[in-house]
Amino acid sequence: VEQATKSYFSDVHEMRQHGGKMYYASTQLMKQEQAGYMPRLEGQDLNRKKVTTTDKLPGKISLMTYAYARFGETHVDTFIKPFLNKFKDEKDVQLIEVNVQENFLKQQLVKAFVPYIRRNIAPERKENYILLMKDISRVRKYLDMTNQYIGYVYLIDQNGRIRWTAHGEATEEEVANMLAMTEYLVQKKNESK
């Protein structure tokens, strides 16, 4: 309980102070040779299969979202909707949604709501919706996820490298950049075939 309340108060204060947007996303992709890899995390998809985040990445351009709370879900939705509108029929592009619950009490609450989540996620998105019910604080530091009430998005190339990242509610410029960068990565992938 102490961990949950300490994190809660500091994260909520930070969100109020910055409105969920601590900085704006880069307007350029990170160079491939400088980009780090997405860490391997094991969870369960909404079809009740055990999955790892990295098993889903090879060969596809991925937008991977992380949400820890309802606030974060509304943030990542501002990136997901335009992404799906543009790339839903593109076979080399995918969306991977990660719902993270590190606190034991929140884990139990989310487990109770899994049937609701399952009903409200489109069938084609279920196998790429991952529930992580464990402490990933070391991974959070690596991915610079400093606030559990903010949603985070990562654009990942076909080799599992993180090429772009954003957080909070999307701005028009961030959405335009994300879509253009995704198109560029798809083009580069197709050229290398």
N, C-alpha and C. Protein backbone atom coordinates (compact mmCIF):
# COMPACT_ATOMS: atom_id res chain seq x y z
N VAL A 1 0.84 -1.19 0.00
CA VAL A 1 0.00 0.00 0.00
C VAL A 1 0.88 1.25 0.00
N GLU A 2 1.97 1.23 0.79
CA GLU A 2 2.87 2.39 0.84
C GLU A 2 3.43 2.69 -0.54
N GLN A 3 3.84 1.64 -1.26
CA GLN A 3 4.39 1.82 -2.61
C GLN A 3 3.34 2.44 -3.53
N ALA A 4 2.13 1.93 -3.46
CA ALA A 4 1.07 2.42 -4.35
C ALA A 4 0.73 3.87 -4.05
N THR A 5 0.63 4.26 -2.78
CA THR A 5 0.25 5.63 -2.46
C THR A 5 1.38 6.60 -2.74
N LYS A 6 2.62 6.19 -2.46
CA LYS A 6 3.76 7.08 -2.74
C LYS A 6 3.84 7.36 -4.24
N SER A 7 3.78 6.31 -5.04
CA SER A 7 3.83 6.47 -6.48
C SER A 7 2.63 7.26 -6.98
N TYR A 8 1.47 6.95 -6.44
CA TYR A 8 0.24 7.62 -6.86
C TYR A 8 0.35 9.13 -6.67
N PHE A 9 0.72 9.57 -5.47
CA PHE A 9 0.76 11.00 -5.19
C PHE A 9 1.81 11.73 -6.02
N SER A 10 2.99 11.14 -6.16
CA SER A 10 4.02 11.83 -6.94
C SER A 10 3.67 11.84 -8.43
N ASP A 11 3.12 10.74 -8.94
CA ASP A 11 2.76 10.69 -10.35
C ASP A 11 1.58 11.61 -10.67
N VAL A 12 0.58 11.65 -9.79
CA VAL A 12 -0.57 12.53 -10.02
C VAL A 12 -0.14 13.99 -9.95
N HIS A 13 0.72 14.33 -9.00
CA HIS A 13 1.23 15.70 -8.90
C HIS A 13 1.97 16.08 -10.18
N GLU A 14 2.81 15.18 -10.66
CA GLU A 14 3.56 15.44 -11.88
C GLU A 14 2.62 15.61 -13.07
N MET A 15 1.56 14.80 -13.13
CA MET A 15 0.61 14.91 -14.23
C MET A 15 -0.13 16.24 -14.19
N ARG A 16 -0.51 16.66 -13.00
CA ARG A 16 -1.19 17.96 -12.87
C ARG A 16 -0.27 19.10 -13.29
N GLN A 17 0.99 18.98 -12.90
CA GLN A 17 1.96 20.02 -13.19
C GLN A 17 2.23 20.16 -14.69
N HIS A 18 2.32 19.02 -15.39
CA HIS A 18 2.68 19.03 -16.81
C HIS A 18 1.52 18.70 -17.74
N GLY A 19 0.37 18.35 -17.18
CA GLY A 19 -0.77 17.98 -18.01
C GLY A 19 -0.56 16.69 -18.78
N GLY A 20 0.32 15.83 -18.29
CA GLY A 20 0.57 14.56 -18.96
C GLY A 20 1.58 14.64 -20.09
N LYS A 21 2.12 15.81 -20.34
CA LYS A 21 3.07 15.98 -21.44
C LYS A 21 4.32 16.67 -20.89
N MET A 22 5.35 15.88 -20.60
CA MET A 22 6.57 16.45 -20.03
C MET A 22 7.50 17.02 -21.10
N TYR A 23 7.40 16.49 -22.32
CA TYR A 23 8.18 16.99 -23.45
C TYR A 23 7.50 16.50 -24.72
N TYR A 24 7.83 17.11 -25.84
CA TYR A 24 7.26 16.71 -27.12
C TYR A 24 8.17 15.68 -27.78
N ALA A 25 7.56 14.78 -28.52
CA ALA A 25 8.31 13.72 -29.18
C ALA A 25 9.24 14.29 -30.26
N SER A 26 10.28 13.57 -30.53
CA SER A 26 11.24 13.96 -31.56
C SER A 26 10.56 14.01 -32.92
N THR A 27 11.06 14.86 -33.77
CA THR A 27 10.53 14.97 -35.13
C THR A 27 11.30 14.07 -36.09
N GLN A 28 12.27 13.32 -35.56
CA GLN A 28 13.09 12.44 -36.40
C GLN A 28 13.18 11.06 -35.78
N LEU A 29 13.34 10.06 -36.64
CA LEU A 29 13.59 8.71 -36.17
C LEU A 29 14.98 8.62 -35.56
N MET A 30 15.12 7.79 -34.55
CA MET A 30 16.45 7.50 -34.04
C MET A 30 17.16 6.62 -35.08
N LYS A 31 18.42 6.89 -35.30
CA LYS A 31 19.18 6.08 -36.25
C LYS A 31 19.22 4.64 -35.77
N GLN A 32 19.15 3.72 -36.72
CA GLN A 32 19.07 2.31 -36.38
C GLN A 32 20.23 1.85 -35.50
N GLU A 33 21.44 2.30 -35.83
CA GLU A 33 22.61 1.85 -35.07
C GLU A 33 22.66 2.44 -33.65
N GLN A 34 21.90 3.49 -33.40
CA GLN A 34 21.87 4.10 -32.07
C GLN A 34 20.64 3.68 -31.26
N ALA A 35 19.69 3.04 -31.91
CA ALA A 35 18.43 2.68 -31.25
C ALA A 35 18.60 1.42 -30.40
N GLY A 36 17.99 1.45 -29.22
CA GLY A 36 18.00 0.29 -28.35
C GLY A 36 16.90 -0.69 -28.75
N TYR A 37 17.01 -1.90 -28.24
CA TYR A 37 16.00 -2.93 -28.52
C TYR A 37 14.88 -2.87 -27.49
N MET A 38 13.68 -3.25 -27.91
CA MET A 38 12.56 -3.37 -26.99
C MET A 38 12.84 -4.57 -26.09
N PRO A 39 12.75 -4.39 -24.78
CA PRO A 39 13.00 -5.50 -23.86
C PRO A 39 11.95 -6.61 -23.99
N ARG A 40 12.35 -7.80 -23.61
CA ARG A 40 11.47 -8.97 -23.65
C ARG A 40 10.65 -9.01 -22.34
N LEU A 41 9.34 -8.97 -22.49
CA LEU A 41 8.44 -9.07 -21.35
C LEU A 41 7.42 -10.17 -21.64
N GLU A 42 7.11 -10.97 -20.63
CA GLU A 42 6.17 -12.06 -20.82
C GLU A 42 4.84 -11.73 -20.16
N GLY A 43 3.78 -11.96 -20.90
CA GLY A 43 2.44 -11.71 -20.37
C GLY A 43 1.45 -12.66 -20.99
N GLN A 44 0.20 -12.22 -21.03
CA GLN A 44 -0.88 -13.05 -21.59
C GLN A 44 -1.73 -12.17 -22.50
N ASP A 45 -2.09 -12.72 -23.67
CA ASP A 45 -2.97 -11.95 -24.55
C ASP A 45 -4.43 -12.19 -24.16
N LEU A 46 -5.35 -11.53 -24.82
CA LEU A 46 -6.76 -11.66 -24.46
C LEU A 46 -7.37 -12.97 -24.93
N ASN A 47 -6.60 -13.74 -25.71
CA ASN A 47 -7.04 -15.10 -26.07
C ASN A 47 -6.49 -16.12 -25.08
N ARG A 48 -5.94 -15.62 -23.97
CA ARG A 48 -5.42 -16.43 -22.86
C ARG A 48 -4.15 -17.21 -23.20
N LYS A 49 -3.41 -16.75 -24.19
CA LYS A 49 -2.14 -17.39 -24.54
C LYS A 49 -0.99 -16.63 -23.91
N LYS A 50 0.02 -17.38 -23.43
CA LYS A 50 1.24 -16.73 -22.94
C LYS A 50 2.01 -16.21 -24.15
N VAL A 51 2.44 -14.96 -24.05
CA VAL A 51 3.17 -14.33 -25.14
C VAL A 51 4.31 -13.50 -24.57
N THR A 52 5.30 -13.24 -25.42
CA THR A 52 6.36 -12.30 -25.06
C THR A 52 6.29 -11.15 -26.04
N THR A 53 6.64 -9.99 -25.56
CA THR A 53 6.59 -8.81 -26.41
C THR A 53 7.52 -8.95 -27.61
N THR A 54 8.69 -9.52 -27.41
CA THR A 54 9.67 -9.59 -28.49
C THR A 54 9.33 -10.65 -29.54
N ASP A 55 8.56 -11.67 -29.19
CA ASP A 55 8.15 -12.67 -30.19
C ASP A 55 7.24 -12.07 -31.24
N LYS A 56 6.57 -10.99 -30.91
CA LYS A 56 5.62 -10.36 -31.82
C LYS A 56 6.30 -9.38 -32.79
N LEU A 57 7.51 -8.97 -32.50
CA LEU A 57 8.14 -7.87 -33.24
C LEU A 57 8.84 -8.22 -34.55
N PRO A 58 9.54 -9.34 -34.68
CA PRO A 58 10.35 -9.56 -35.88
C PRO A 58 9.55 -9.49 -37.18
N GLY A 59 10.12 -8.76 -38.14
CA GLY A 59 9.56 -8.71 -39.48
C GLY A 59 8.44 -7.70 -39.68
N LYS A 60 8.02 -7.02 -38.63
CA LYS A 60 6.92 -6.05 -38.77
C LYS A 60 7.32 -4.71 -38.14
N ILE A 61 6.73 -3.66 -38.68
CA ILE A 61 6.86 -2.34 -38.07
C ILE A 61 5.74 -2.26 -37.04
N SER A 62 6.08 -1.95 -35.80
CA SER A 62 5.11 -2.02 -34.71
C SER A 62 4.98 -0.69 -33.97
N LEU A 63 3.75 -0.36 -33.65
CA LEU A 63 3.49 0.69 -32.67
C LEU A 63 3.12 -0.05 -31.40
N MET A 64 3.98 0.06 -30.38
CA MET A 64 3.72 -0.61 -29.10
C MET A 64 3.35 0.44 -28.07
N THR A 65 2.20 0.23 -27.43
CA THR A 65 1.72 1.19 -26.44
C THR A 65 1.76 0.56 -25.06
N TYR A 66 2.03 1.39 -24.07
CA TYR A 66 2.02 0.96 -22.66
C TYR A 66 1.09 1.87 -21.88
N ALA A 67 0.16 1.24 -21.16
CA ALA A 67 -0.74 2.00 -20.29
C ALA A 67 -0.80 1.28 -18.95
N TYR A 68 -0.71 2.05 -17.88
CA TYR A 68 -0.75 1.53 -16.52
C TYR A 68 -2.08 1.85 -15.84
N ALA A 69 -2.78 2.84 -16.36
CA ALA A 69 -4.01 3.31 -15.73
C ALA A 69 -4.95 3.84 -16.83
N ARG A 70 -6.17 4.09 -16.46
CA ARG A 70 -7.16 4.61 -17.41
C ARG A 70 -6.70 5.91 -18.06
N PHE A 71 -6.03 6.77 -17.28
CA PHE A 71 -5.50 8.02 -17.84
C PHE A 71 -4.58 7.71 -19.02
N GLY A 72 -3.70 6.74 -18.83
CA GLY A 72 -2.75 6.36 -19.88
C GLY A 72 -3.43 5.79 -21.10
N GLU A 73 -4.54 5.06 -20.90
CA GLU A 73 -5.27 4.50 -22.03
C GLU A 73 -5.83 5.61 -22.92
N THR A 74 -6.33 6.67 -22.31
CA THR A 74 -6.86 7.77 -23.12
C THR A 74 -5.73 8.45 -23.89
N HIS A 75 -4.53 8.51 -23.30
CA HIS A 75 -3.38 9.09 -23.99
C HIS A 75 -3.00 8.26 -25.21
N VAL A 76 -2.82 6.94 -25.01
CA VAL A 76 -2.36 6.11 -26.14
C VAL A 76 -3.43 6.01 -27.22
N ASP A 77 -4.70 6.13 -26.86
CA ASP A 77 -5.76 6.11 -27.87
C ASP A 77 -5.61 7.25 -28.88
N THR A 78 -5.03 8.37 -28.46
CA THR A 78 -4.85 9.50 -29.38
C THR A 78 -3.79 9.18 -30.44
N PHE A 79 -2.95 8.19 -30.19
CA PHE A 79 -2.00 7.71 -31.19
C PHE A 79 -2.57 6.51 -31.95
N ILE A 80 -3.27 5.63 -31.24
CA ILE A 80 -3.78 4.38 -31.83
C ILE A 80 -4.79 4.65 -32.94
N LYS A 81 -5.75 5.53 -32.70
CA LYS A 81 -6.82 5.75 -33.69
C LYS A 81 -6.29 6.18 -35.05
N PRO A 82 -5.44 7.21 -35.13
CA PRO A 82 -4.92 7.58 -36.46
C PRO A 82 -4.01 6.50 -37.06
N PHE A 83 -3.28 5.79 -36.19
CA PHE A 83 -2.40 4.72 -36.66
C PHE A 83 -3.22 3.61 -37.33
N LEU A 84 -4.28 3.17 -36.66
CA LEU A 84 -5.13 2.12 -37.23
C LEU A 84 -5.87 2.60 -38.47
N ASN A 85 -6.32 3.86 -38.46
CA ASN A 85 -7.00 4.39 -39.64
C ASN A 85 -6.11 4.31 -40.87
N LYS A 86 -4.84 4.56 -40.69
CA LYS A 86 -3.90 4.60 -41.82
C LYS A 86 -3.36 3.22 -42.18
N PHE A 87 -3.09 2.37 -41.17
CA PHE A 87 -2.34 1.13 -41.43
C PHE A 87 -3.09 -0.16 -41.14
N LYS A 88 -4.38 -0.10 -40.90
CA LYS A 88 -5.11 -1.33 -40.50
C LYS A 88 -5.03 -2.44 -41.55
N ASP A 89 -4.86 -2.09 -42.82
CA ASP A 89 -4.80 -3.10 -43.88
C ASP A 89 -3.38 -3.40 -44.34
N GLU A 90 -2.40 -2.80 -43.70
CA GLU A 90 -0.99 -3.00 -44.08
C GLU A 90 -0.45 -4.23 -43.36
N LYS A 91 -0.08 -5.27 -44.10
CA LYS A 91 0.34 -6.54 -43.49
C LYS A 91 1.67 -6.45 -42.74
N ASP A 92 2.51 -5.47 -43.09
CA ASP A 92 3.81 -5.34 -42.45
C ASP A 92 3.80 -4.40 -41.24
N VAL A 93 2.61 -3.95 -40.86
CA VAL A 93 2.47 -3.00 -39.74
C VAL A 93 1.50 -3.57 -38.72
N GLN A 94 1.82 -3.40 -37.45
CA GLN A 94 0.94 -3.91 -36.40
C GLN A 94 0.92 -2.98 -35.20
N LEU A 95 -0.15 -3.11 -34.44
CA LEU A 95 -0.31 -2.42 -33.17
C LEU A 95 -0.19 -3.47 -32.07
N ILE A 96 0.62 -3.19 -31.06
CA ILE A 96 0.73 -4.05 -29.88
C ILE A 96 0.41 -3.18 -28.67
N GLU A 97 -0.64 -3.56 -27.93
CA GLU A 97 -1.06 -2.80 -26.76
C GLU A 97 -0.67 -3.57 -25.50
N VAL A 98 -0.01 -2.90 -24.58
CA VAL A 98 0.44 -3.54 -23.35
C VAL A 98 -0.24 -2.84 -22.16
N ASN A 99 -0.97 -3.61 -21.40
CA ASN A 99 -1.63 -3.13 -20.19
C ASN A 99 -0.81 -3.64 -19.01
N VAL A 100 -0.16 -2.74 -18.30
CA VAL A 100 0.76 -3.12 -17.22
C VAL A 100 0.14 -2.83 -15.86
N GLN A 101 0.18 -3.82 -14.99
CA GLN A 101 -0.26 -3.64 -13.61
C GLN A 101 0.82 -4.19 -12.69
N GLU A 102 1.52 -3.30 -11.99
CA GLU A 102 2.61 -3.71 -11.11
C GLU A 102 2.15 -3.93 -9.68
N ASN A 103 1.11 -3.25 -9.28
CA ASN A 103 0.61 -3.33 -7.91
C ASN A 103 -0.33 -4.53 -7.77
N PHE A 104 -0.14 -5.32 -6.71
CA PHE A 104 -0.93 -6.53 -6.50
C PHE A 104 -2.43 -6.25 -6.46
N LEU A 105 -2.83 -5.20 -5.78
CA LEU A 105 -4.26 -4.88 -5.69
C LEU A 105 -4.84 -4.50 -7.05
N LYS A 106 -4.10 -3.72 -7.83
CA LYS A 106 -4.55 -3.36 -9.17
C LYS A 106 -4.59 -4.58 -10.09
N GLN A 107 -3.64 -5.51 -9.89
CA GLN A 107 -3.64 -6.73 -10.69
C GLN A 107 -4.95 -7.49 -10.49
N GLN A 108 -5.37 -7.61 -9.23
CA GLN A 108 -6.61 -8.34 -8.94
C GLN A 108 -7.82 -7.63 -9.55
N LEU A 109 -7.81 -6.32 -9.51
CA LEU A 109 -8.90 -5.54 -10.09
C LEU A 109 -8.96 -5.73 -11.61
N VAL A 110 -7.81 -5.65 -12.26
CA VAL A 110 -7.77 -5.82 -13.71
C VAL A 110 -8.18 -7.24 -14.10
N LYS A 111 -7.73 -8.23 -13.33
CA LYS A 111 -8.13 -9.62 -13.62
C LYS A 111 -9.65 -9.76 -13.59
N ALA A 112 -10.28 -9.06 -12.67
CA ALA A 112 -11.75 -9.11 -12.59
C ALA A 112 -12.39 -8.45 -13.81
N PHE A 113 -11.71 -7.48 -14.42
CA PHE A 113 -12.26 -6.75 -15.56
C PHE A 113 -11.83 -7.31 -16.92
N VAL A 114 -11.04 -8.38 -16.94
CA VAL A 114 -10.59 -8.95 -18.21
C VAL A 114 -11.76 -9.32 -19.13
N PRO A 115 -12.85 -9.92 -18.63
CA PRO A 115 -13.97 -10.19 -19.54
C PRO A 115 -14.53 -8.91 -20.19
N TYR A 116 -14.57 -7.83 -19.44
CA TYR A 116 -15.02 -6.54 -19.98
C TYR A 116 -14.05 -6.05 -21.06
N ILE A 117 -12.76 -6.13 -20.78
CA ILE A 117 -11.74 -5.71 -21.75
C ILE A 117 -11.87 -6.57 -23.00
N ARG A 118 -12.00 -7.88 -22.82
CA ARG A 118 -12.11 -8.81 -23.94
C ARG A 118 -13.31 -8.46 -24.83
N ARG A 119 -14.43 -8.11 -24.22
CA ARG A 119 -15.63 -7.76 -24.99
C ARG A 119 -15.48 -6.45 -25.75
N ASN A 120 -14.68 -5.53 -25.22
CA ASN A 120 -14.59 -4.20 -25.81
C ASN A 120 -13.40 -3.98 -26.74
N ILE A 121 -12.57 -4.97 -26.91
CA ILE A 121 -11.45 -4.88 -27.85
C ILE A 121 -11.86 -5.63 -29.11
N ALA A 122 -11.62 -5.01 -30.25
CA ALA A 122 -11.96 -5.65 -31.53
C ALA A 122 -11.27 -7.00 -31.66
N PRO A 123 -11.95 -8.00 -32.22
CA PRO A 123 -11.36 -9.35 -32.31
C PRO A 123 -9.97 -9.39 -32.94
N GLU A 124 -9.73 -8.57 -33.97
CA GLU A 124 -8.43 -8.58 -34.63
C GLU A 124 -7.32 -7.98 -33.77
N ARG A 125 -7.67 -7.31 -32.67
CA ARG A 125 -6.66 -6.71 -31.78
C ARG A 125 -6.36 -7.57 -30.56
N LYS A 126 -7.15 -8.61 -30.31
CA LYS A 126 -7.03 -9.40 -29.07
C LYS A 126 -5.69 -10.10 -28.92
N GLU A 127 -5.16 -10.66 -30.00
CA GLU A 127 -3.90 -11.40 -29.86
C GLU A 127 -2.71 -10.47 -29.66
N ASN A 128 -2.86 -9.19 -29.96
CA ASN A 128 -1.79 -8.21 -29.74
C ASN A 128 -2.09 -7.28 -28.57
N TYR A 129 -3.01 -7.66 -27.71
CA TYR A 129 -3.29 -6.93 -26.47
C TYR A 129 -2.71 -7.78 -25.35
N ILE A 130 -1.67 -7.27 -24.70
CA ILE A 130 -0.93 -8.07 -23.72
C ILE A 130 -1.16 -7.52 -22.31
N LEU A 131 -1.49 -8.42 -21.40
CA LEU A 131 -1.63 -8.08 -19.99
C LEU A 131 -0.35 -8.48 -19.27
N LEU A 132 0.32 -7.50 -18.65
CA LEU A 132 1.52 -7.77 -17.85
C LEU A 132 1.16 -7.54 -16.39
N MET A 133 1.19 -8.58 -15.61
CA MET A 133 0.83 -8.50 -14.20
C MET A 133 2.08 -8.75 -13.35
N LYS A 134 3.00 -7.80 -13.42
CA LYS A 134 4.24 -7.93 -12.63
C LYS A 134 4.97 -6.60 -12.59
N ASP A 135 5.92 -6.54 -11.70
CA ASP A 135 6.74 -5.34 -11.54
C ASP A 135 7.75 -5.27 -12.69
N ILE A 136 7.68 -4.20 -13.46
CA ILE A 136 8.65 -4.01 -14.55
C ILE A 136 9.41 -2.70 -14.34
N SER A 137 9.65 -2.34 -13.09
CA SER A 137 10.27 -1.05 -12.79
C SER A 137 11.64 -0.87 -13.46
N ARG A 138 12.42 -1.94 -13.57
CA ARG A 138 13.72 -1.81 -14.24
C ARG A 138 13.54 -1.52 -15.73
N VAL A 139 12.56 -2.15 -16.34
CA VAL A 139 12.27 -1.92 -17.75
C VAL A 139 11.72 -0.50 -17.93
N ARG A 140 10.88 -0.06 -16.99
CA ARG A 140 10.33 1.31 -17.06
C ARG A 140 11.46 2.33 -17.10
N LYS A 141 12.47 2.14 -16.29
CA LYS A 141 13.61 3.07 -16.29
C LYS A 141 14.32 3.05 -17.63
N TYR A 142 14.54 1.86 -18.17
CA TYR A 142 15.21 1.71 -19.47
C TYR A 142 14.41 2.42 -20.57
N LEU A 143 13.09 2.31 -20.52
CA LEU A 143 12.23 2.90 -21.55
C LEU A 143 11.82 4.33 -21.21
N ASP A 144 12.32 4.87 -20.12
CA ASP A 144 12.03 6.24 -19.69
C ASP A 144 10.53 6.46 -19.44
N MET A 145 9.88 5.45 -18.86
CA MET A 145 8.48 5.58 -18.46
C MET A 145 8.47 6.01 -16.99
N THR A 146 8.49 7.30 -16.77
CA THR A 146 8.68 7.83 -15.42
C THR A 146 7.38 8.00 -14.64
N ASN A 147 6.25 7.99 -15.32
CA ASN A 147 4.98 8.25 -14.64
C ASN A 147 3.97 7.18 -15.05
N GLN A 148 3.41 6.49 -14.07
CA GLN A 148 2.50 5.38 -14.36
C GLN A 148 1.11 5.83 -14.78
N TYR A 149 0.84 7.10 -14.77
CA TYR A 149 -0.49 7.59 -15.16
C TYR A 149 -0.49 8.21 -16.55
N ILE A 150 0.65 8.13 -17.20
CA ILE A 150 0.79 8.65 -18.56
C ILE A 150 0.94 7.46 -19.50
N GLY A 151 0.34 7.55 -20.68
CA GLY A 151 0.51 6.51 -21.68
C GLY A 151 1.75 6.75 -22.51
N TYR A 152 2.39 5.67 -22.93
CA TYR A 152 3.63 5.74 -23.70
C TYR A 152 3.48 4.95 -25.00
N VAL A 153 4.07 5.45 -26.08
CA VAL A 153 4.05 4.75 -27.35
C VAL A 153 5.47 4.67 -27.92
N TYR A 154 5.74 3.55 -28.59
CA TYR A 154 7.05 3.29 -29.17
C TYR A 154 6.87 2.78 -30.59
N LEU A 155 7.58 3.39 -31.52
CA LEU A 155 7.59 2.92 -32.90
C LEU A 155 8.83 2.04 -33.05
N ILE A 156 8.61 0.79 -33.43
CA ILE A 156 9.67 -0.21 -33.42
C ILE A 156 9.84 -0.77 -34.83
N ASP A 157 11.08 -0.86 -35.27
CA ASP A 157 11.33 -1.38 -36.62
C ASP A 157 11.24 -2.91 -36.65
N GLN A 158 11.43 -3.49 -37.83
CA GLN A 158 11.26 -4.93 -38.02
C GLN A 158 12.33 -5.74 -37.29
N ASN A 159 13.37 -5.09 -36.79
CA ASN A 159 14.44 -5.78 -36.04
C ASN A 159 14.28 -5.63 -34.53
N GLY A 160 13.17 -5.02 -34.09
CA GLY A 160 12.92 -4.87 -32.65
C GLY A 160 13.59 -3.66 -32.02
N ARG A 161 14.08 -2.74 -32.84
CA ARG A 161 14.74 -1.54 -32.33
C ARG A 161 13.72 -0.40 -32.18
N ILE A 162 13.83 0.31 -31.07
CA ILE A 162 12.95 1.44 -30.78
C ILE A 162 13.45 2.65 -31.56
N ARG A 163 12.67 3.09 -32.53
CA ARG A 163 13.12 4.17 -33.40
C ARG A 163 12.52 5.52 -33.05
N TRP A 164 11.40 5.50 -32.29
CA TRP A 164 10.73 6.76 -31.93
C TRP A 164 9.86 6.49 -30.72
N THR A 165 9.71 7.50 -29.88
CA THR A 165 8.88 7.35 -28.70
C THR A 165 8.12 8.64 -28.42
N ALA A 166 6.97 8.49 -27.79
CA ALA A 166 6.15 9.64 -27.40
C ALA A 166 5.36 9.26 -26.16
N HIS A 167 4.76 10.24 -25.54
CA HIS A 167 3.95 9.97 -24.35
C HIS A 167 2.87 11.03 -24.22
N GLY A 168 1.94 10.77 -23.32
CA GLY A 168 0.86 11.72 -23.07
C GLY A 168 -0.10 11.77 -24.25
N GLU A 169 -0.90 12.80 -24.29
CA GLU A 169 -1.86 12.97 -25.37
C GLU A 169 -1.13 13.45 -26.62
N ALA A 170 -1.45 12.85 -27.75
CA ALA A 170 -0.76 13.17 -29.01
C ALA A 170 -1.11 14.57 -29.48
N THR A 171 -0.10 15.27 -29.99
CA THR A 171 -0.34 16.53 -30.68
C THR A 171 -0.52 16.21 -32.17
N GLU A 172 -1.05 17.16 -32.92
CA GLU A 172 -1.21 16.95 -34.37
C GLU A 172 0.14 16.67 -35.03
N GLU A 173 1.15 17.40 -34.61
CA GLU A 173 2.49 17.20 -35.18
C GLU A 173 3.04 15.82 -34.85
N GLU A 174 2.83 15.35 -33.63
CA GLU A 174 3.31 14.01 -33.25
C GLU A 174 2.62 12.93 -34.07
N VAL A 175 1.31 13.07 -34.27
CA VAL A 175 0.58 12.09 -35.08
C VAL A 175 1.10 12.10 -36.52
N ALA A 176 1.24 13.28 -37.10
CA ALA A 176 1.74 13.38 -38.48
C ALA A 176 3.13 12.77 -38.59
N ASN A 177 4.00 13.04 -37.62
CA ASN A 177 5.35 12.47 -37.64
C ASN A 177 5.32 10.96 -37.49
N MET A 178 4.50 10.46 -36.57
CA MET A 178 4.39 9.02 -36.35
C MET A 178 3.96 8.31 -37.63
N LEU A 179 2.95 8.85 -38.30
CA LEU A 179 2.45 8.23 -39.53
C LEU A 179 3.49 8.28 -40.64
N ALA A 180 4.16 9.41 -40.79
CA ALA A 180 5.20 9.54 -41.82
C ALA A 180 6.39 8.62 -41.52
N MET A 181 6.78 8.53 -40.27
CA MET A 181 7.90 7.66 -39.89
C MET A 181 7.55 6.19 -40.11
N THR A 182 6.32 5.82 -39.82
CA THR A 182 5.88 4.44 -40.06
C THR A 182 5.94 4.13 -41.55
N GLU A 183 5.45 5.03 -42.37
CA GLU A 183 5.51 4.84 -43.83
C GLU A 183 6.96 4.69 -44.29
N TYR A 184 7.84 5.51 -43.76
CA TYR A 184 9.26 5.46 -44.11
C TYR A 184 9.86 4.09 -43.73
N LEU A 185 9.55 3.62 -42.52
CA LEU A 185 10.09 2.33 -42.08
C LEU A 185 9.56 1.18 -42.94
N VAL A 186 8.30 1.25 -43.33
CA VAL A 186 7.73 0.22 -44.21
C VAL A 186 8.43 0.26 -45.56
N GLN A 187 8.64 1.45 -46.09
CA GLN A 187 9.33 1.60 -47.37
C GLN A 187 10.74 1.02 -47.30
N LYS A 188 11.49 1.34 -46.24
CA LYS A 188 12.86 0.83 -46.07
C LYS A 188 12.86 -0.68 -45.94
N LYS A 189 11.89 -1.21 -45.21
CA LYS A 189 11.78 -2.67 -45.04
C LYS A 189 11.54 -3.33 -46.39
N ASN A 190 10.63 -2.76 -47.18
CA ASN A 190 10.31 -3.34 -48.50
C ASN A 190 11.49 -3.23 -49.46
N GLU A 191 12.28 -2.18 -49.36
CA GLU A 191 13.47 -2.02 -50.20
C GLU A 191 14.54 -3.06 -49.89
N SER A 192 14.58 -3.51 -48.64
CA SER A 192 15.62 -4.46 -48.22
C SER A 192 15.26 -5.92 -48.54
N LYS A 193 14.07 -6.14 -49.10
CA LYS A 193 13.67 -7.53 -49.43
C LYS A 193 14.42 -8.06 -50.61
